[in-house]
Protein backbone atom coordinates (compact mmCIF):
# COMPACT_ATOMS: atom_id res chain seq x y z
CA MET A 1 -0.83 -6.83 -36.96
CA ASP A 2 1.27 -9.65 -37.89
CA GLY A 3 1.89 -12.87 -35.77
CA ARG A 4 4.92 -11.51 -34.21
CA LEU A 5 4.93 -9.88 -30.84
CA ARG A 6 6.40 -6.58 -31.08
CA ARG A 7 8.91 -5.29 -28.73
CA PRO A 8 7.23 -2.51 -26.27
CA SER A 9 8.55 0.93 -27.17
CA ALA A 10 9.81 3.56 -24.96
CA ALA A 11 6.29 4.91 -24.81
CA ASP A 12 4.98 1.74 -23.93
CA ARG A 13 7.16 1.13 -21.03
CA THR A 14 6.68 4.26 -19.44
CA MET A 15 2.82 3.34 -19.11
CA GLY A 16 3.87 1.27 -16.08
CA ILE A 17 1.93 -1.54 -17.60
CA PRO A 18 3.30 -4.56 -15.71
CA PRO A 19 5.55 -6.48 -18.34
CA ARG A 20 3.65 -9.91 -18.12
CA THR A 21 0.15 -8.02 -18.25
CA TYR A 22 1.42 -6.02 -21.28
CA GLY A 23 2.82 -9.13 -23.13
CA ALA A 24 -0.38 -11.03 -22.63
CA LEU A 25 -2.17 -8.03 -24.06
CA GLN A 26 -0.07 -8.16 -26.84
CA VAL A 27 -1.65 -11.44 -27.93
CA LYS A 28 -5.12 -10.33 -27.55
CA LEU A 29 -4.56 -7.11 -29.40
CA ARG A 30 -3.73 -8.93 -32.63
CA GLU A 31 -7.04 -10.74 -32.92
CA SER A 32 -9.59 -8.67 -30.43
CA LEU A 33 -10.97 -5.44 -31.48
CA VAL A 34 -12.27 -4.81 -27.83
CA ALA A 35 -8.74 -5.16 -26.58
CA ARG A 36 -7.39 -2.56 -28.81
CA ALA A 37 -10.48 -0.31 -28.26
CA LEU A 38 -10.92 -0.71 -24.83
CA VAL A 39 -8.56 -3.04 -22.73
CA LEU A 40 -5.28 -1.11 -23.69
CA PRO A 41 -6.56 2.46 -23.24
CA ILE A 42 -7.64 1.26 -20.02
CA GLN A 43 -4.77 -0.38 -18.93
CA GLN A 44 -2.65 2.55 -20.05
CA PHE A 45 -4.98 4.80 -18.07
CA ILE A 46 -4.89 3.27 -14.84
CA HIS A 47 -1.18 2.99 -14.81
CA ILE A 48 -0.46 6.46 -15.16
CA GLN A 49 1.89 7.59 -12.36
CA GLY A 50 -0.37 9.03 -9.57
CA ILE A 51 -3.85 8.40 -11.09
CA SER A 52 -4.90 6.07 -8.19
CA SER A 53 -4.12 8.96 -5.91
CA ILE A 54 -6.73 11.10 -7.82
CA PHE A 55 -9.35 8.40 -7.39
CA LEU A 56 -8.66 8.24 -4.00
CA LEU A 57 -8.85 12.16 -3.48
CA ALA A 58 -11.94 12.27 -5.62
CA ALA A 59 -13.86 9.64 -3.25
CA ALA A 60 -12.85 11.62 -0.38
CA VAL A 61 -14.24 14.64 -1.62
CA ILE A 62 -17.29 12.85 -2.93
CA ALA A 63 -17.57 11.70 0.65
CA LEU A 64 -17.38 15.28 2.32
CA ILE A 65 -19.76 16.73 -0.09
CA TRP A 66 -22.39 13.68 0.35
CA ALA A 67 -22.14 13.85 4.04
CA ASN A 68 -22.51 18.01 4.08
CA SER A 69 -25.65 17.90 1.62
CA PRO A 70 -29.33 17.80 2.05
CA TRP A 71 -28.99 13.71 1.63
CA HIS A 72 -26.32 13.57 4.80
CA ASP A 73 -28.54 11.09 6.59
CA SER A 74 -28.54 8.66 3.56
CA TYR A 75 -24.63 8.63 3.57
CA HIS A 76 -24.62 7.44 7.21
CA HIS A 77 -27.58 5.03 6.38
CA VAL A 78 -25.76 3.43 3.71
CA TRP A 79 -22.80 2.25 5.50
CA GLU A 80 -24.59 1.38 8.57
CA MET A 81 -26.87 -1.37 6.48
CA GLU A 82 -26.37 -4.70 7.83
CA LEU A 83 -24.82 -7.38 4.94
CA GLN A 84 -24.70 -11.14 5.84
CA LEU A 85 -22.48 -13.30 3.79
CA SER A 86 -22.97 -17.05 4.93
CA ARG A 87 -23.40 -16.58 8.78
CA LEU A 88 -21.40 -13.58 9.13
CA GLN A 89 -23.22 -10.32 9.70
CA LEU A 90 -21.41 -6.93 9.78
CA PRO A 91 -22.40 -3.22 8.44
CA VAL A 92 -21.22 -2.39 5.27
CA HIS A 93 -18.60 -0.06 6.74
CA ALA A 94 -17.28 -3.13 8.60
CA TRP A 95 -16.94 -5.22 5.48
CA ILE A 96 -15.04 -2.56 3.94
CA ASN A 97 -12.65 -1.63 7.19
CA ASP A 98 -12.33 -5.33 8.26
CA ALA A 99 -12.56 -7.33 4.86
CA LEU A 100 -11.57 -5.29 2.05
CA MET A 101 -8.79 -3.18 3.83
CA ALA A 102 -7.37 -6.85 4.51
CA ILE A 103 -6.72 -7.36 1.23
CA PHE A 104 -4.98 -3.92 1.08
CA PHE A 105 -2.83 -5.05 4.32
CA PHE A 106 -2.27 -8.36 2.60
CA LEU A 107 -0.39 -6.22 -0.18
CA VAL A 108 1.36 -4.46 2.10
CA GLY A 109 2.43 -7.66 3.61
CA MET A 110 3.69 -8.90 0.78
CA GLU A 111 5.35 -5.74 -0.37
CA ILE A 112 7.07 -5.50 3.08
CA LYS A 113 8.53 -8.88 2.46
CA HIS A 114 9.90 -8.63 -1.01
CA GLU A 115 11.64 -5.50 0.27
CA ILE A 116 12.89 -7.33 3.28
CA VAL A 117 14.37 -10.47 0.99
CA HIS A 118 15.26 -8.54 -2.47
CA GLY A 119 14.66 -4.51 -1.86
CA GLU A 120 15.80 -1.95 -0.18
CA LEU A 121 15.42 -3.37 3.43
CA ALA A 122 17.50 -6.28 2.37
CA ASP A 123 20.68 -4.16 2.48
CA ILE A 124 21.03 -2.71 6.20
CA ARG A 125 23.39 -0.05 5.44
CA ARG A 126 21.33 1.25 2.28
CA ALA A 127 17.94 1.21 4.56
CA ALA A 128 19.29 2.54 7.63
CA LEU A 129 18.64 6.27 6.72
CA PRO A 130 15.03 5.73 5.94
CA VAL A 131 14.41 3.34 8.54
CA PHE A 132 15.84 5.74 11.31
CA GLY A 133 13.76 8.50 9.79
CA ALA A 134 10.72 6.54 9.73
CA LEU A 135 11.33 5.36 13.44
CA GLY A 136 11.50 9.40 14.11
CA GLY A 137 8.55 10.21 12.06
CA MET A 138 6.46 7.81 14.22
CA ILE A 139 7.76 8.97 17.74
CA VAL A 140 7.93 12.25 17.62
CA PRO A 141 4.17 12.80 16.01
CA ALA A 142 3.05 10.53 18.54
CA LEU A 143 5.04 12.33 21.52
CA LEU A 144 3.27 15.66 20.05
CA PHE A 145 -0.16 14.26 20.06
CA ALA A 146 0.40 12.73 23.64
CA VAL A 147 1.82 16.12 25.10
CA PHE A 148 -1.66 17.86 23.83
CA ASN A 149 -3.84 14.83 24.66
CA TYR A 150 -2.34 13.61 28.23
CA GLY A 151 -4.96 12.61 30.64
CA GLN A 152 -7.70 13.88 28.14
CA PRO A 153 -10.43 11.69 26.70
CA GLY A 154 -8.51 11.57 23.34
CA GLN A 155 -5.14 10.56 24.59
CA HIS A 156 -6.13 6.94 22.73
CA GLY A 157 -5.38 8.48 19.42
CA TRP A 158 -1.73 8.74 19.77
CA GLY A 159 -1.07 6.30 17.07
CA ILE A 160 -3.15 8.47 14.28
CA PRO A 161 -0.59 10.81 13.40
CA MET A 162 2.20 7.95 12.93
CA ALA A 163 0.91 6.91 9.60
CA THR A 164 2.17 7.65 6.20
CA ASP A 165 0.12 7.28 3.01
CA ILE A 166 2.41 5.67 0.27
CA ALA A 167 0.00 6.32 -2.55
CA PHE A 168 -0.52 9.88 -1.82
CA SER A 169 3.03 10.81 -0.74
CA LEU A 170 4.60 8.96 -3.82
CA GLY A 171 2.03 10.54 -6.17
CA VAL A 172 3.12 13.88 -5.07
CA LEU A 173 6.56 13.24 -5.56
CA GLY A 174 6.22 12.24 -9.08
CA MET A 175 4.49 15.70 -9.72
CA VAL A 176 8.16 17.23 -9.14
CA LYS A 177 10.24 16.96 -12.15
CA GLY A 178 13.83 16.37 -11.82
CA ILE A 179 13.82 14.37 -8.59
CA PRO A 180 16.75 12.08 -7.87
CA SER A 181 15.68 8.28 -7.89
CA ASP A 182 17.41 7.83 -4.64
CA LEU A 183 14.99 10.17 -3.08
CA LYS A 184 12.21 8.13 -4.37
CA VAL A 185 13.76 5.20 -3.01
CA PHE A 186 14.18 6.93 0.38
CA LEU A 187 10.44 7.88 0.68
CA LEU A 188 9.24 4.40 -0.70
CA THR A 189 11.37 2.58 2.07
CA LEU A 190 10.46 5.25 4.81
CA ALA A 191 7.10 4.51 3.89
CA ILE A 192 7.28 0.75 3.97
CA ALA A 193 8.90 1.13 7.23
CA ASP A 194 6.22 3.40 8.49
CA ASP A 195 3.87 0.63 7.38
CA ILE A 196 5.68 -2.12 9.77
CA GLY A 197 5.41 0.42 12.56
CA ALA A 198 1.60 1.04 11.79
CA ILE A 199 0.79 -2.59 11.44
CA ILE A 200 2.61 -3.50 15.03
CA VAL A 201 0.76 -0.26 16.51
CA ILE A 202 -2.60 -1.49 15.50
CA ALA A 203 -1.96 -5.11 16.47
CA VAL A 204 -0.59 -4.34 19.93
CA PHE A 205 -2.71 -1.29 21.09
CA TYR A 206 -5.87 -1.00 18.92
CA SER A 207 -7.25 -4.82 19.06
CA SER A 208 -9.80 -5.50 21.39
CA SER A 209 -9.90 -7.75 24.48
CA LEU A 210 -8.95 -11.23 23.20
CA ASP A 211 -10.96 -14.31 22.53
CA ARG A 212 -8.78 -16.88 23.20
CA GLY A 213 -10.71 -19.76 21.59
CA ALA A 214 -10.87 -17.88 18.25
CA LEU A 215 -6.99 -17.11 18.44
CA LEU A 216 -6.35 -20.54 18.94
CA ALA A 217 -8.36 -21.57 15.97
CA GLY A 218 -6.43 -18.79 13.95
CA ILE A 219 -3.30 -20.29 15.18
CA VAL A 220 -4.19 -23.73 14.12
CA ILE A 221 -5.44 -22.76 10.61
CA LEU A 222 -2.22 -20.57 10.11
CA ALA A 223 0.05 -23.66 11.29
CA LEU A 224 -2.27 -25.51 8.40
CA ILE A 225 -1.36 -22.96 6.00
CA VAL A 226 2.46 -23.11 6.80
CA LEU A 227 1.93 -27.13 6.33
CA VAL A 228 0.28 -27.02 3.01
CA LEU A 229 2.94 -24.49 1.59
CA LYS A 230 5.78 -27.05 2.88
CA LEU A 231 4.10 -29.76 0.95
CA GLY A 232 4.08 -27.79 -2.27
CA ILE A 233 0.35 -27.65 -2.87
CA SER A 234 -0.28 -25.04 -5.40
CA ARG A 235 -4.20 -24.97 -5.62
CA PRO A 236 -5.38 -21.38 -4.93
CA VAL A 237 -8.73 -22.50 -3.97
CA VAL A 238 -6.99 -24.21 -0.74
CA TYR A 239 -5.36 -21.04 0.37
CA PHE A 240 -8.12 -19.12 -0.65
CA VAL A 241 -10.55 -21.32 1.78
CA LEU A 242 -7.91 -21.24 4.60
CA GLY A 243 -7.09 -17.64 4.27
CA VAL A 244 -10.78 -16.65 4.71
CA GLY A 245 -10.97 -19.08 7.47
CA PHE A 246 -8.10 -17.48 9.28
CA TRP A 247 -9.36 -13.85 8.95
CA ILE A 248 -12.59 -14.90 10.36
CA ALA A 249 -10.75 -16.27 13.37
CA ILE A 250 -8.87 -13.36 13.65
CA LEU A 251 -11.65 -11.29 13.47
CA ARG A 252 -13.68 -13.11 16.20
CA SER A 253 -10.39 -13.30 18.47
CA GLY A 254 -10.37 -9.68 19.04
CA VAL A 255 -7.10 -8.93 17.06
CA HIS A 256 -7.99 -6.58 14.30
CA ALA A 257 -8.96 -8.50 11.12
CA THR A 258 -6.38 -6.63 9.09
CA ILE A 259 -3.53 -8.49 10.73
CA ALA A 260 -4.77 -11.51 9.16
CA GLY A 261 -3.92 -10.18 5.77
CA VAL A 262 -0.70 -8.78 6.73
CA ILE A 263 0.32 -12.19 8.26
CA LEU A 264 -0.99 -14.18 5.00
CA GLY A 265 1.14 -11.60 2.97
CA PHE A 266 4.57 -12.39 4.75
CA LEU A 267 3.74 -16.26 4.12
CA VAL A 268 3.35 -15.64 0.31
CA PRO A 269 6.78 -17.02 -1.04
CA THR A 270 8.89 -14.10 -3.01
CA ASP A 271 11.23 -16.04 -4.76
CA ALA A 272 10.26 -17.76 -8.39
CA PRO A 273 10.97 -21.56 -8.33
CA LEU A 274 12.41 -21.18 -11.69
CA SER A 275 14.99 -18.40 -12.67
CA LEU A 276 14.98 -16.74 -16.32
CA GLU A 277 18.14 -18.19 -16.99
CA ASP A 278 17.00 -21.72 -16.27
CA PHE A 279 13.74 -21.24 -18.25
CA ARG A 280 15.87 -19.98 -21.27
CA ASP A 281 18.07 -23.00 -21.37
CA MET A 282 15.03 -25.27 -20.67
CA ALA A 283 12.80 -23.76 -23.20
CA SER A 284 15.12 -24.09 -25.93
CA ASN A 285 15.79 -27.57 -25.97
CA MET A 286 11.89 -28.06 -25.63
CA ALA A 287 11.03 -25.65 -28.48
CA ALA A 288 13.25 -27.92 -30.16
CA SER A 289 11.52 -31.13 -29.19
CA PHE A 290 8.23 -29.34 -29.91
CA ARG A 291 9.42 -28.92 -33.48
CA ASP A 292 10.61 -32.35 -34.00
CA ALA A 293 6.97 -33.76 -32.78
CA MET A 294 5.38 -31.66 -34.96
CA ALA A 295 7.66 -32.72 -37.62
CA LYS A 296 6.65 -36.32 -37.10
CA GLY A 297 2.99 -35.73 -36.76
CA ASP A 298 2.94 -36.89 -32.95
CA GLU A 299 0.40 -34.56 -32.02
CA ARG A 300 0.28 -36.19 -28.24
CA ALA A 301 3.86 -35.49 -27.47
CA ALA A 302 3.37 -31.85 -29.04
CA LYS A 303 0.55 -31.41 -26.55
CA SER A 304 2.96 -32.80 -23.84
CA ILE A 305 5.48 -30.31 -24.43
CA LEU A 306 3.12 -27.32 -24.34
CA GLY A 307 2.09 -28.57 -20.93
CA ALA A 308 5.59 -28.61 -19.63
CA PHE A 309 5.74 -25.14 -21.07
CA ASP A 310 2.79 -24.01 -18.94
CA ALA A 311 4.50 -25.25 -15.87
CA LEU A 312 7.71 -23.64 -16.48
CA LEU A 313 6.02 -20.38 -17.40
CA ASN A 314 4.31 -20.08 -14.11
CA ASN A 315 7.38 -21.19 -12.19
CA THR A 316 9.25 -18.25 -13.70
CA GLU A 317 7.09 -16.09 -11.56
CA SER A 318 6.79 -15.83 -7.75
CA ALA A 319 3.50 -16.22 -5.77
CA SER A 320 4.18 -12.54 -4.53
CA GLU A 321 4.51 -10.96 -7.85
CA ARG A 322 1.77 -13.06 -9.29
CA LEU A 323 -0.79 -11.81 -6.67
CA THR A 324 0.38 -8.41 -6.52
CA ARG A 325 0.04 -8.05 -10.24
CA LEU A 326 -3.57 -9.73 -9.98
CA LEU A 327 -4.65 -7.50 -6.84
CA ASN A 328 -2.97 -4.20 -7.29
CA ASP A 329 -5.24 -2.59 -9.68
CA TRP A 330 -8.53 -3.70 -7.85
CA VAL A 331 -7.05 -2.33 -4.50
CA SER A 332 -6.03 0.92 -6.02
CA PHE A 333 -9.17 1.62 -7.85
CA LEU A 334 -11.93 -0.08 -5.78
CA VAL A 335 -10.61 -1.14 -2.52
CA LEU A 336 -9.15 2.23 -1.24
CA PRO A 337 -11.60 4.43 -2.95
CA LEU A 338 -14.29 2.63 -1.37
CA PHE A 339 -12.61 3.00 2.19
CA ALA A 340 -12.37 6.70 1.63
CA LEU A 341 -15.80 6.88 0.53
CA ALA A 342 -16.94 5.17 3.55
CA ASN A 343 -14.92 6.81 6.07
CA ALA A 344 -13.89 10.70 5.01
CA GLY A 345 -17.67 11.68 4.95
CA VAL A 346 -17.61 13.88 7.91
CA THR A 347 -20.61 16.00 8.59
CA PHE A 348 -20.03 19.31 9.89
CA SER A 349 -22.65 21.12 12.38
CA GLY A 350 -23.01 24.94 12.58
CA GLY A 351 -20.65 25.07 15.39
CA ALA A 352 -18.34 22.44 14.25
CA TRP A 353 -15.59 24.45 12.92
CA GLY A 354 -15.06 26.56 16.15
CA GLU A 355 -15.09 23.53 18.28
CA LEU A 356 -12.11 21.97 15.79
CA PHE A 357 -9.76 25.02 16.49
CA THR A 358 -10.00 24.36 20.31
CA SER A 359 -9.99 20.34 19.90
CA ARG A 360 -6.89 19.09 21.65
CA ILE A 361 -7.20 15.94 19.36
CA ALA A 362 -7.36 18.03 16.20
CA TRP A 363 -4.45 20.05 17.41
CA GLY A 364 -2.29 16.89 18.41
CA ILE A 365 -3.13 15.48 14.94
CA VAL A 366 -2.33 18.53 12.72
CA LEU A 367 0.93 19.31 14.70
CA GLY A 368 1.97 15.68 14.84
CA LEU A 369 1.58 15.29 10.83
CA VAL A 370 2.61 18.39 9.91
CA VAL A 371 5.48 19.61 12.14
CA GLY A 372 6.10 16.31 13.91
CA LYS A 373 6.82 14.02 10.80
CA PRO A 374 9.58 16.30 9.34
CA LEU A 375 11.08 16.99 12.30
CA GLY A 376 11.36 13.01 13.36
CA ILE A 377 12.38 12.14 9.96
CA THR A 378 14.83 14.86 9.32
CA GLY A 379 16.29 14.47 13.24
CA PHE A 380 16.57 10.96 13.28
CA ALA A 381 18.19 10.64 9.88
CA LYS A 382 20.71 13.19 10.85
CA LEU A 383 21.42 11.41 14.20
CA ALA A 384 21.89 8.18 12.10
CA GLU A 385 24.43 9.81 10.02
CA LEU A 386 26.32 11.43 12.63
CA MET A 387 26.80 8.24 14.39
CA GLY A 388 28.07 6.64 11.19
CA LEU A 389 24.95 4.32 10.87
CA ALA A 390 23.87 5.66 7.58
CA ARG A 391 24.85 8.12 4.90
CA VAL A 392 23.08 10.32 2.67
CA PRO A 393 22.89 8.84 -0.80
CA GLU A 394 24.77 10.92 -3.63
CA GLY A 395 23.05 13.52 -5.47
CA VAL A 396 20.44 14.05 -2.31
CA SER A 397 20.48 17.12 -0.18
CA TRP A 398 19.40 17.65 3.33
CA ARG A 399 16.79 20.08 1.97
CA GLN A 400 15.17 17.67 -0.09
CA LEU A 401 15.32 15.10 2.55
CA THR A 402 13.39 17.80 4.88
CA ALA A 403 10.95 18.22 1.97
CA VAL A 404 10.09 14.51 1.91
CA GLY A 405 9.82 14.53 5.72
CA THR A 406 6.98 17.09 5.15
CA LEU A 407 5.50 15.03 2.57
CA ALA A 408 5.26 11.91 4.78
CA GLY A 409 2.95 14.07 6.80
CA ILE A 410 0.14 12.98 4.24
CA GLY A 411 -1.43 10.20 6.73
CA PHE A 412 -4.79 9.96 5.01
CA THR A 413 -5.55 6.38 4.36
CA VAL A 414 -3.78 4.54 7.47
CA SER A 415 -4.23 7.68 9.95
CA ILE A 416 -8.22 7.50 9.18
CA PHE A 417 -8.16 3.83 9.44
CA ILE A 418 -6.15 4.20 12.78
CA SER A 419 -8.87 6.98 13.73
CA SER A 420 -11.83 4.35 13.42
CA LEU A 421 -10.16 2.21 15.63
CA ALA A 422 -8.98 4.86 18.32
CA PHE A 423 -12.43 6.38 18.68
CA ASP A 424 -15.72 5.06 19.75
CA ASP A 425 -16.98 8.55 20.36
CA PRO A 426 -18.75 10.25 17.29
CA ALA A 427 -17.66 13.77 17.98
CA HIS A 428 -13.82 12.63 18.72
CA LEU A 429 -14.03 10.60 15.38
CA VAL A 430 -15.31 13.63 13.71
CA GLU A 431 -12.39 15.69 15.05
CA ALA A 432 -9.92 13.18 14.20
CA LYS A 433 -10.82 12.60 10.64
CA THR A 434 -11.03 16.07 9.75
CA ALA A 435 -7.56 16.89 11.49
CA VAL A 436 -6.12 14.26 9.31
CA LEU A 437 -7.73 15.36 6.15
CA ALA A 438 -6.77 18.97 6.55
CA ALA A 439 -3.04 17.82 7.90
CA SER A 440 -2.67 15.70 4.80
CA LEU A 441 -3.89 18.44 2.55
CA VAL A 442 -1.29 21.07 4.03
CA ALA A 443 1.46 18.54 4.30
CA GLY A 444 0.86 17.66 0.61
CA VAL A 445 0.93 21.17 -0.55
CA LEU A 446 4.08 22.40 2.00
CA GLY A 447 5.89 19.37 0.77
CA TYR A 448 5.08 19.85 -3.00
CA LEU A 449 6.56 23.20 -2.60
CA ALA A 450 9.47 22.34 -0.56
CA LEU A 451 10.41 19.72 -2.81
CA ARG A 452 9.97 22.40 -5.84
CA ASP A 453 12.33 24.87 -4.29
CA ALA A 454 14.78 22.26 -3.21
CA LYS A 455 15.66 20.79 -6.66
CA PRO A 456 19.32 21.39 -7.40
CA GLN A 457 20.17 24.29 -9.85
CA ARG A 458 22.30 23.43 -12.44
CA LYS A 459 24.88 26.46 -13.08
CA ALA A 460 28.11 26.64 -14.59
CA GLY A 461 30.95 26.61 -11.54
CA PHE A 462 28.33 25.62 -9.02
CA THR A 463 27.39 22.42 -7.31
CA SER A 464 23.88 21.54 -5.68
CA GLU A 465 23.84 22.25 -1.75
CA ARG A 466 24.36 19.28 0.41
């Protein structure tokens, strides 16, 4: 390969590799056999659409097999082992659920802020339909669960069927060819609005009694982080130390520790200090100055200009974009599969299946996710349209929106997460997790079939159904 960077081909772009990651990789490909033989194929593989969902599903299947194998005792023993870091000692499953999942929710917080500032949630009119749909997709499933469990020991689990798993739902949607882009935007915006609701529910209803001293310490650290941001300090280690301190304070306060991740995600700037247009103009002048310095043999001036280039390049990417690019693959291929491996392993005894069919908790979750989600999403979206608050995008039919509503019944990650917060009783937790897994599977299959059947058929003289 010659010294010039080649333009990404159409095939390269469809791999989904982030542009900056791809550009940096092109430099390494020129000189490194490892990059050509190993790094590029790995990057291409992990950015195939839906591949992270397959890893997540595989982890859940492995957990179920392990938990019901002759070695099921070892499954539970592994996650209950105590692990101490510094002076903080927690079981392994708590490190995953409270610490690693805080990183996941940190990414969710950044994504939500980006959508509010720059994305679909920035346009109220455009966001109205999926936001109303998300509201219905939370209220109706929670009410269905409450009807089945009112006054019963499992009534605290009403938040479980409210959640939608973004990775799985988008992964299944991507399996159907010819889906309108507006339908994908609808599901993504709906899932993000759903995440906001889930975060509020976790913070308000699934946090334990408050330790006011620890909460006050968290508020002080948060104020210090805001001050550091205002002062323009850019040292990552400063934010890392303060962020960890804030997470520990929230963990000890009784508010669930993942909320710390969401709050920190909202603080990350989403605007780049320097626009690409400004960079173009400034870089052109600096390139000319660099050539002049090299022609004069002034190496010191040339290196000084290179330092300015470094600063300019860093300033063309927002902190939110940079952190998302650095953390996203780790979360998709390590954090979430570990979470599934540690939480999806339900051990079934001889009569467990019979008990599940009579469990109010299980029926509340299954009906909430499989029936309540499409009813709530479609019903509230239709109501928003009739009231003139929202409109259905061109090229999208109500059959497709209903199919997406069915697909949103894939609760999986967040539903299992809320289950672990809602129930201390092992029997109730087993019922809830099993119901989430079953309902997510049913919703995924039904949603896929409904989407495939709802695709507009192009025939001469006919238009798609609206």
